[in-house]
PDB file of N, CA and C in Angstrom:
ATOM      1  N   MET A   1     -93.047-114.144 135.811  1.00  0.00           N
ATOM      2  CA  MET A   1     -94.344-114.067 136.363  1.00  0.00           C
ATOM      3  C   MET A   1     -94.595-112.719 136.698  1.00  0.00           C
ATOM      4  N   LYS A   2     -95.128-111.744 135.892  1.00  0.00           N
ATOM      5  CA  LYS A   2     -95.210-110.241 136.268  1.00  0.00           C
ATOM      6  C   LYS A   2     -96.748-110.341 137.273  1.00  0.00           C
ATOM      7  N   LEU A   3     -97.129-110.805 136.984  1.00  0.00           N
ATOM      8  CA  LEU A   3     -98.546-110.810 137.795  1.00  0.00           C
ATOM      9  C   LEU A   3     -98.585-110.497 139.243  1.00  0.00           C
ATOM     10  N   PRO A   4     -97.556-111.236 139.834  1.00  0.00           N
ATOM     11  CA  PRO A   4     -97.619-110.623 141.300  1.00  0.00           C
ATOM     12  C   PRO A   4     -97.196-108.993 141.281  1.00  0.00           C
ATOM     13  N   HIS A   5     -96.352-109.081 140.253  1.00  0.00           N
ATOM     14  CA  HIS A   5     -95.224-107.490 140.834  1.00  0.00           C
ATOM     15  C   HIS A   5     -96.474-106.238 140.208  1.00  0.00           C
ATOM     16  N   LEU A   6     -97.522-106.774 139.129  1.00  0.00           N
ATOM     17  CA  LEU A   6     -98.501-105.627 139.142  1.00  0.00           C
ATOM     18  C   LEU A   6     -99.293-105.443 140.248  1.00  0.00           C
ATOM     19  N   THR A   7    -100.254-106.551 140.266  1.00  0.00           N
ATOM     20  CA  THR A   7    -100.809-106.939 141.669  1.00  0.00           C
ATOM     21  C   THR A   7    -100.571-105.888 143.103  1.00  0.00           C
ATOM     22  N   VAL A   8     -98.970-106.119 143.256  1.00  0.00           N
ATOM     23  CA  VAL A   8     -98.565-105.290 144.191  1.00  0.00           C
ATOM     24  C   VAL A   8     -98.196-103.727 143.938  1.00  0.00           C
ATOM     25  N   GLY A   9     -97.817-103.735 143.047  1.00  0.00           N
ATOM     26  CA  GLY A   9     -98.244-102.151 142.737  1.00  0.00           C
ATOM     27  C   GLY A   9     -99.405-101.716 142.265  1.00  0.00           C
ATOM     28  N   VAL A  10    -100.289-102.467 142.164  1.00  0.00           N
ATOM     29  CA  VAL A  10    -101.566-101.265 142.315  1.00  0.00           C
ATOM     30  C   VAL A  10    -102.062-101.500 143.266  1.00  0.00           C
ATOM     31  N   ILE A  11    -101.993-102.552 144.558  1.00  0.00           N
ATOM     32  CA  ILE A  11    -102.439-102.338 145.857  1.00  0.00           C
ATOM     33  C   ILE A  11    -101.137-101.015 146.316  1.00  0.00           C
ATOM     34  N   ALA A  12    -100.309-100.859 146.154  1.00  0.00           N
ATOM     35  CA  ALA A  12     -99.439-100.123 147.045  1.00  0.00           C
ATOM     36  C   ALA A  12    -100.158 -98.907 146.303  1.00  0.00           C
ATOM     37  N   SER A  13     -99.799 -98.132 145.126  1.00  0.00           N
ATOM     38  CA  SER A  13    -100.770 -97.081 144.142  1.00  0.00           C
ATOM     39  C   SER A  13    -101.886 -96.640 144.907  1.00  0.00           C
ATOM     40  N   VAL A  14    -102.852 -97.694 145.342  1.00  0.00           N
ATOM     41  CA  VAL A  14    -104.015 -97.870 145.951  1.00  0.00           C
ATOM     42  C   VAL A  14    -104.180 -97.029 147.176  1.00  0.00           C
ATOM     43  N   VAL A  15    -103.839 -97.755 148.010  1.00  0.00           N
ATOM     44  CA  VAL A  15    -103.301 -97.591 149.377  1.00  0.00           C
ATOM     45  C   VAL A  15    -102.541 -96.021 149.558  1.00  0.00           C
ATOM     46  N   LEU A  16    -101.772 -95.590 149.150  1.00  0.00           N
ATOM     47  CA  LEU A  16    -100.534 -94.121 148.411  1.00  0.00           C
ATOM     48  C   LEU A  16    -101.961 -93.183 148.625  1.00  0.00           C
ATOM     49  N   LEU A  17    -102.856 -94.000 147.367  1.00  0.00           N
ATOM     50  CA  LEU A  17    -103.923 -92.299 147.114  1.00  0.00           C
ATOM     51  C   LEU A  17    -105.007 -92.114 148.413  1.00  0.00           C
ATOM     52  N   ALA A  18    -105.276 -93.475 148.977  1.00  0.00           N
ATOM     53  CA  ALA A  18    -106.326 -93.569 149.595  1.00  0.00           C
ATOM     54  C   ALA A  18    -105.771 -92.880 151.307  1.00  0.00           C
ATOM     55  N   ALA A  19    -104.244 -93.154 151.443  1.00  0.00           N
ATOM     56  CA  ALA A  19    -103.704 -91.820 152.448  1.00  0.00           C
ATOM     57  C   ALA A  19    -103.523 -90.492 151.968  1.00  0.00           C
ATOM     58  N   ALA A  20    -103.527 -90.278 150.732  1.00  0.00           N
ATOM     59  CA  ALA A  20    -103.553 -88.790 150.207  1.00  0.00           C
ATOM     60  C   ALA A  20    -104.517 -88.425 150.689  1.00  0.00           C
ATOM     61  N   ASN A  21    -105.514 -89.253 150.023  1.00  0.00           N
ATOM     62  CA  ASN A  21    -107.143 -88.164 150.077  1.00  0.00           C
ATOM     63  C   ASN A  21    -107.225 -88.306 151.851  1.00  0.00           C
ATOM     64  N   PHE A  22    -107.432 -89.028 152.325  1.00  0.00           N
ATOM     65  CA  PHE A  22    -107.363 -89.345 154.145  1.00  0.00           C
ATOM     66  C   PHE A  22    -106.707 -87.839 154.499  1.00  0.00           C
ATOM     67  N   TYR A  23    -105.496 -87.707 154.152  1.00  0.00           N
ATOM     68  CA  TYR A  23    -105.095 -86.209 154.880  1.00  0.00           C
ATOM     69  C   TYR A  23    -105.579 -85.176 154.289  1.00  0.00           C
ATOM     70  N   SER A  24    -105.846 -85.109 152.707  1.00  0.00           N
ATOM     71  CA  SER A  24    -106.635 -84.110 152.096  1.00  0.00           C
ATOM     72  C   SER A  24    -108.058 -83.355 153.255  1.00  0.00           C
ATOM     73  N   TYR A  25    -108.973 -85.073 153.674  1.00  0.00           N
ATOM     74  CA  TYR A  25    -110.148 -85.032 154.310  1.00  0.00           C
ATOM     75  C   TYR A  25    -110.151 -84.484 155.825  1.00  0.00           C
ATOM     76  N   VAL A  26    -109.357 -84.428 156.083  1.00  0.00           N
ATOM     77  CA  VAL A  26    -107.968 -84.412 157.682  1.00  0.00           C
ATOM     78  C   VAL A  26    -108.386 -82.954 157.736  1.00  0.00           C
ATOM     79  N   ARG A  27    -107.344 -82.357 156.643  1.00  0.00           N
ATOM     80  CA  ARG A  27    -107.140 -80.782 156.333  1.00  0.00           C
ATOM     81  C   ARG A  27    -107.790 -79.886 155.837  1.00  0.00           C
ATOM     82  N   MET A  28    -109.262 -80.459 155.315  1.00  0.00           N
ATOM     83  CA  MET A  28    -110.269 -79.670 154.885  1.00  0.00           C
ATOM     84  C   MET A  28    -110.687 -78.761 156.318  1.00  0.00           C
ATOM     85  N   PRO A  29    -110.713 -77.568 155.777  1.00  0.00           N
ATOM     86  CA  PRO A  29    -111.582 -76.508 157.056  1.00  0.00           C
ATOM     87  C   PRO A  29    -113.148 -76.837 156.753  1.00  0.00           C
ATOM     88  N   ALA A  30    -112.974 -76.816 158.351  1.00  0.00           N
ATOM     89  CA  ALA A  30    -114.635 -76.933 158.632  1.00  0.00           C
ATOM     90  C   ALA A  30    -115.800 -76.054 157.749  1.00  0.00           C
ATOM     91  N   SER A  31    -115.512 -74.972 157.641  1.00  0.00           N
ATOM     92  CA  SER A  31    -116.602 -74.303 156.255  1.00  0.00           C
ATOM     93  C   SER A  31    -115.568 -73.396 155.615  1.00  0.00           C
ATOM     94  N   SER A  32    -116.240 -72.931 155.054  1.00  0.00           N
ATOM     95  CA  SER A  32    -115.807 -71.987 153.713  1.00  0.00           C
ATOM     96  C   SER A  32    -115.639 -70.264 154.303  1.00  0.00           C
ATOM     97  N   THR A  33    -114.294 -69.788 153.506  1.00  0.00           N
ATOM     98  CA  THR A  33    -114.248 -68.563 154.087  1.00  0.00           C
ATOM     99  C   THR A  33    -115.200 -67.374 153.836  1.00  0.00           C
ATOM    100  N   ILE A  34    -116.103 -67.834 153.069  1.00  0.00           N
ATOM    101  CA  ILE A  34    -117.103 -66.586 152.582  1.00  0.00           C
ATOM    102  C   ILE A  34    -118.793 -67.023 152.546  1.00  0.00           C
ATOM    103  N   ASP A  35    -119.231 -66.427 152.132  1.00  0.00           N
ATOM    104  CA  ASP A  35    -120.931 -66.884 152.565  1.00  0.00           C
ATOM    105  C   ASP A  35    -121.441 -67.918 151.190  1.00  0.00           C
ATOM    106  N   ASP A  36    -120.821 -67.652 150.242  1.00  0.00           N
ATOM    107  CA  ASP A  36    -121.458 -68.883 149.299  1.00  0.00           C
ATOM    108  C   ASP A  36    -120.439 -69.722 148.887  1.00  0.00           C
ATOM    109  N   GLY A  37    -119.129 -70.099 149.648  1.00  0.00           N
ATOM    110  CA  GLY A  37    -118.028 -70.402 148.917  1.00  0.00           C
ATOM    111  C   GLY A  37    -118.081 -72.031 149.294  1.00  0.00           C
ATOM    112  N   PHE A  38    -117.434 -73.180 148.597  1.00  0.00           N
ATOM    113  CA  PHE A  38    -117.602 -74.562 148.455  1.00  0.00           C
ATOM    114  C   PHE A  38    -116.267 -74.615 149.465  1.00  0.00           C
ATOM    115  N   VAL A  39    -116.637 -75.730 149.573  1.00  0.00           N
ATOM    116  CA  VAL A  39    -114.731 -76.913 150.488  1.00  0.00           C
ATOM    117  C   VAL A  39    -114.935 -78.302 149.398  1.00  0.00           C
ATOM    118  N   TYR A  40    -113.745 -78.076 149.059  1.00  0.00           N
ATOM    119  CA  TYR A  40    -113.277 -79.248 148.418  1.00  0.00           C
ATOM    120  C   TYR A  40    -112.322 -80.380 149.267  1.00  0.00           C
ATOM    121  N   PHE A  41    -112.234 -81.257 148.839  1.00  0.00           N
ATOM    122  CA  PHE A  41    -111.680 -82.484 149.582  1.00  0.00           C
ATOM    123  C   PHE A  41    -110.638 -83.806 148.307  1.00  0.00           C
ATOM    124  N   GLY A  42    -109.872 -83.931 148.641  1.00  0.00           N
ATOM    125  CA  GLY A  42    -109.480 -85.319 147.280  1.00  0.00           C
ATOM    126  C   GLY A  42    -108.558 -84.548 146.963  1.00  0.00           C
ATOM    127  N   TRP A  43    -107.451 -85.813 146.481  1.00  0.00           N
ATOM    128  CA  TRP A  43    -106.169 -85.597 145.934  1.00  0.00           C
ATOM    129  C   TRP A  43    -106.125 -86.881 145.049  1.00  0.00           C
ATOM    130  N   PRO A  44    -105.209 -86.447 143.398  1.00  0.00           N
ATOM    131  CA  PRO A  44    -105.195 -85.348 142.980  1.00  0.00           C
ATOM    132  C   PRO A  44    -106.541 -84.668 142.309  1.00  0.00           C
ATOM    133  N   PHE A  45    -107.429 -85.553 142.391  1.00  0.00           N
ATOM    134  CA  PHE A  45    -108.570 -84.981 141.693  1.00  0.00           C
ATOM    135  C   PHE A  45    -109.566 -84.768 142.803  1.00  0.00           C
ATOM    136  N   ASN A  46    -110.596 -83.822 143.085  1.00  0.00           N
ATOM    137  CA  ASN A  46    -111.736 -83.620 144.428  1.00  0.00           C
ATOM    138  C   ASN A  46    -112.844 -84.523 144.248  1.00  0.00           C
ATOM    139  N   ILE A  47    -113.147 -85.017 145.457  1.00  0.00           N
ATOM    140  CA  ILE A  47    -114.218 -86.311 145.348  1.00  0.00           C
ATOM    141  C   ILE A  47    -115.212 -85.619 146.256  1.00  0.00           C
ATOM    142  N   TYR A  48    -115.317 -84.535 146.992  1.00  0.00           N
ATOM    143  CA  TYR A  48    -116.519 -84.378 147.495  1.00  0.00           C
ATOM    144  C   TYR A  48    -116.262 -82.703 147.767  1.00  0.00           C
ATOM    145  N   ALA A  49    -117.670 -82.495 147.600  1.00  0.00           N
ATOM    146  CA  ALA A  49    -117.750 -80.545 148.147  1.00  0.00           C
ATOM    147  C   ALA A  49    -118.817 -80.596 148.913  1.00  0.00           C
ATOM    148  N   TYR A  50    -118.710 -79.644 149.351  1.00  0.00           N
ATOM    149  CA  TYR A  50    -120.093 -78.644 150.083  1.00  0.00           C
ATOM    150  C   TYR A  50    -120.058 -77.581 150.777  1.00  0.00           C
ATOM    151  N   GLY A  51    -121.016 -76.526 150.835  1.00  0.00           N
ATOM    152  CA  GLY A  51    -121.081 -75.574 150.970  1.00  0.00           C
ATOM    153  C   GLY A  51    -121.940 -74.756 150.006  1.00  0.00           C
ATOM    154  N   GLY A  52    -121.739 -73.644 149.962  1.00  0.00           N
ATOM    155  CA  GLY A  52    -122.686 -73.008 148.488  1.00  0.00           C
ATOM    156  C   GLY A  52    -123.575 -72.214 149.654  1.00  0.00           C
ATOM    157  N   TYR A  53    -124.886 -71.425 148.624  1.00  0.00           N
ATOM    158  CA  TYR A  53    -125.673 -71.381 149.309  1.00  0.00           C
ATOM    159  C   TYR A  53    -127.112 -72.113 149.989  1.00  0.00           C
ATOM    160  N   TYR A  54    -126.930 -72.876 149.877  1.00  0.00           N
ATOM    161  CA  TYR A  54    -127.877 -74.435 151.082  1.00  0.00           C
ATOM    162  C   TYR A  54    -127.047 -75.346 151.959  1.00  0.00           C
ATOM    163  N   ASP A  55    -125.554 -75.146 151.856  1.00  0.00           N
ATOM    164  CA  ASP A  55    -124.249 -75.855 152.337  1.00  0.00           C
ATOM    165  C   ASP A  55    -124.657 -77.472 152.216  1.00  0.00           C
ATOM    166  N   HIS A  56    -125.196 -78.112 150.595  1.00  0.00           N
ATOM    167  CA  HIS A  56    -125.020 -79.477 151.058  1.00  0.00           C
ATOM    168  C   HIS A  56    -124.298 -80.055 150.357  1.00  0.00           C
ATOM    169  N   PRO A  57    -124.058 -81.490 150.519  1.00  0.00           N
ATOM    170  CA  PRO A  57    -122.840 -81.775 149.667  1.00  0.00           C
ATOM    171  C   PRO A  57    -122.804 -83.100 149.096  1.00  0.00           C
ATOM    172  N   VAL A  58    -122.151 -82.672 148.166  1.00  0.00           N
ATOM    173  CA  VAL A  58    -121.897 -83.115 146.847  1.00  0.00           C
ATOM    174  C   VAL A  58    -121.073 -83.670 146.364  1.00  0.00           C
ATOM    175  N   TYR A  59    -120.783 -85.645 146.154  1.00  0.00           N
ATOM    176  CA  TYR A  59    -119.611 -86.663 146.126  1.00  0.00           C
ATOM    177  C   TYR A  59    -119.647 -86.141 144.181  1.00  0.00           C
ATOM    178  N   LEU A  60    -118.205 -85.651 143.557  1.00  0.00           N
ATOM    179  CA  LEU A  60    -117.889 -85.780 142.718  1.00  0.00           C
ATOM    180  C   LEU A  60    -117.384 -87.050 142.053  1.00  0.00           C
ATOM    181  N   TRP A  61    -117.917 -87.661 141.347  1.00  0.00           N
ATOM    182  CA  TRP A  61    -118.252 -89.010 141.230  1.00  0.00           C
ATOM    183  C   TRP A  61    -117.349 -89.458 139.948  1.00  0.00           C
ATOM    184  N   THR A  62    -116.674 -88.511 138.989  1.00  0.00           N
ATOM    185  CA  THR A  62    -115.967 -88.085 137.981  1.00  0.00           C
ATOM    186  C   THR A  62    -114.465 -87.929 138.282  1.00  0.00           C
ATOM    187  N   GLY A  63    -114.410 -87.191 139.852  1.00  0.00           N
ATOM    188  CA  GLY A  63    -113.099 -87.297 140.447  1.00  0.00           C
ATOM    189  C   GLY A  63    -112.781 -88.226 141.133  1.00  0.00           C
ATOM    190  N   ALA A  64    -113.628 -89.028 141.695  1.00  0.00           N
ATOM    191  CA  ALA A  64    -113.148 -90.544 142.366  1.00  0.00           C
ATOM    192  C   ALA A  64    -112.717 -91.295 141.328  1.00  0.00           C
ATOM    193  N   LEU A  65    -113.574 -91.425 140.032  1.00  0.00           N
ATOM    194  CA  LEU A  65    -113.042 -92.040 139.228  1.00  0.00           C
ATOM    195  C   LEU A  65    -112.290 -92.313 138.220  1.00  0.00           C
ATOM    196  N   ALA A  66    -111.342 -90.677 138.074  1.00  0.00           N
ATOM    197  CA  ALA A  66    -110.113 -90.333 137.463  1.00  0.00           C
ATOM    198  C   ALA A  66    -109.313 -90.744 138.930  1.00  0.00           C
ATOM    199  N   ASN A  67    -109.546 -90.606 140.210  1.00  0.00           N
ATOM    200  CA  ASN A  67    -108.657 -91.253 140.773  1.00  0.00           C
ATOM    201  C   ASN A  67    -108.187 -92.374 141.102  1.00  0.00           C
ATOM    202  N   LEU A  68    -109.023 -93.446 140.475  1.00  0.00           N
ATOM    203  CA  LEU A  68    -109.418 -95.021 140.831  1.00  0.00           C
ATOM    204  C   LEU A  68    -108.552 -95.241 139.290  1.00  0.00           C
ATOM    205  N   LEU A  69    -108.600 -94.467 138.207  1.00  0.00           N
ATOM    206  CA  LEU A  69    -108.164 -94.873 136.501  1.00  0.00           C
ATOM    207  C   LEU A  69    -106.576 -94.598 137.173  1.00  0.00           C
ATOM    208  N   LEU A  70    -106.096 -93.682 138.291  1.00  0.00           N
ATOM    209  CA  LEU A  70    -104.720 -92.950 138.028  1.00  0.00           C
ATOM    210  C   LEU A  70    -104.449 -93.847 138.819  1.00  0.00           C
ATOM    211  N   ALA A  71    -104.773 -94.376 140.073  1.00  0.00           N
ATOM    212  CA  ALA A  71    -104.055 -95.595 140.790  1.00  0.00           C
ATOM    213  C   ALA A  71    -103.623 -96.494 140.029  1.00  0.00           C
ATOM    214  N   GLY A  72    -104.303 -97.206 139.168  1.00  0.00           N
ATOM    215  CA  GLY A  72    -104.780 -98.211 138.329  1.00  0.00           C
ATOM    216  C   GLY A  72    -103.540 -98.185 137.411  1.00  0.00           C
ATOM    217  N   ILE A  73    -103.395 -96.776 136.468  1.00  0.00           N
ATOM    218  CA  ILE A  73    -102.274 -96.545 135.399  1.00  0.00           C
ATOM    219  C   ILE A  73    -100.980 -96.516 136.482  1.00  0.00           C
ATOM    220  N   VAL A  74    -101.020 -95.997 137.508  1.00  0.00           N
ATOM    221  CA  VAL A  74     -99.381 -95.478 138.262  1.00  0.00           C
ATOM    222  C   VAL A  74     -98.861 -97.586 138.837  1.00  0.00           C
ATOM    223  N   GLY A  75     -99.886 -97.860 139.438  1.00  0.00           N
ATOM    224  CA  GLY A  75     -99.920 -99.145 139.905  1.00  0.00           C
ATOM    225  C   GLY A  75     -99.178-100.549 138.763  1.00  0.00           C
ATOM    226  N   VAL A  76     -99.906 -99.862 137.513  1.00  0.00           N
ATOM    227  CA  VAL A  76     -99.073-101.088 136.575  1.00  0.00           C
ATOM    228  C   VAL A  76     -97.875-100.333 136.431  1.00  0.00           C
ATOM    229  N   ILE A  77     -97.760 -99.096 135.997  1.00  0.00           N
ATOM    230  CA  ILE A  77     -96.089 -98.249 135.742  1.00  0.00           C
ATOM    231  C   ILE A  77     -95.347 -99.456 137.013  1.00  0.00           C
ATOM    232  N   ILE A  78     -95.610 -99.043 138.282  1.00  0.00           N
ATOM    233  CA  ILE A  78     -94.787 -99.319 139.016  1.00  0.00           C
ATOM    234  C   ILE A  78     -94.860-100.939 139.234  1.00  0.00           C
ATOM    235  N   GLY A  79     -95.564-102.105 138.632  1.00  0.00           N
ATOM    236  CA  GLY A  79     -95.370-102.793 138.619  1.00  0.00           C
ATOM    237  C   GLY A  79     -94.797-103.665 137.634  1.00  0.00           C
ATOM    238  N   LEU A  80     -94.693-102.867 136.419  1.00  0.00           N
ATOM    239  CA  LEU A  80     -93.426-103.080 135.441  1.00  0.00           C
ATOM    240  C   LEU A  80     -92.388-102.798 135.636  1.00  0.00           C
ATOM    241  N   VAL A  81     -92.176-101.350 136.255  1.00  0.00           N
ATOM    242  CA  VAL A  81     -90.235-100.734 136.348  1.00  0.00           C
ATOM    243  C   VAL A  81     -90.138-101.185 137.614  1.00  0.00           C
ATOM    244  N   PHE A  82     -90.731-101.148 138.155  1.00  0.00           N
ATOM    245  CA  PHE A  82     -89.496-102.184 139.648  1.00  0.00           C
ATOM    246  C   PHE A  82     -88.874-103.418 139.922  1.00  0.00           C
ATOM    247  N   PRO A  83     -89.728-104.108 139.157  1.00  0.00           N
ATOM    248  CA  PRO A  83     -89.166-105.749 139.366  1.00  0.00           C
ATOM    249  C   PRO A  83     -87.982-105.401 138.396  1.00  0.00           C
ATOM    250  N   LYS A  84     -87.654-104.688 137.537  1.00  0.00           N
ATOM    251  CA  LYS A  84     -86.612-104.303 135.962  1.00  0.00           C
ATOM    252  C   LYS A  84     -85.387-103.098 136.940  1.00  0.00           C
ATOM    253  N   LEU A  85     -85.685-102.629 137.839  1.00  0.00           N
ATOM    254  CA  LEU A  85     -84.967-101.800 138.588  1.00  0.00           C
ATOM    255  C   LEU A  85     -84.143-102.337 139.553  1.00  0.00           C
ATOM    256  N   ALA A  86     -85.307-103.108 140.184  1.00  0.00           N
ATOM    257  CA  ALA A  86     -84.795-104.165 141.777  1.00  0.00           C
ATOM    258  C   ALA A  86     -83.909-105.404 141.734  1.00  0.00           C
ATOM    259  N   PHE A  87     -84.323-106.327 140.117  1.00  0.00           N
ATOM    260  CA  PHE A  87     -83.472-107.306 140.347  1.00  0.00           C
ATOM    261  C   PHE A  87     -82.563-107.005 138.734  1.00  0.00           C
ATOM    262  N   ARG A  88     -81.583-105.854 139.285  1.00  0.00           N
ATOM    263  CA  ARG A  88     -81.003-106.297 137.803  1.00  0.00           C
ATOM    264  C   ARG A  88     -79.586-106.789 138.152  1.00  0.00           C
TER     265      ARG A  88
END
């Protein structure tokens, strides 16, 4: 039965992605180094930006969806490959 392996793989990849994004948030500078610049955070795709002339925050929903899609794909791959490697 492969469902538990897939579930564990997806949960593990989502947790790792959340940890990487939190680390990216913690390391985000407080402000841009130039007057009209932007500051981003998110890994591997940017999910939040602020700065610019008006200094307004922007949520980058395409980056958030891409991160979730990538986490799901990596989780399924982990769930399919891990049992074959671990239970030889």
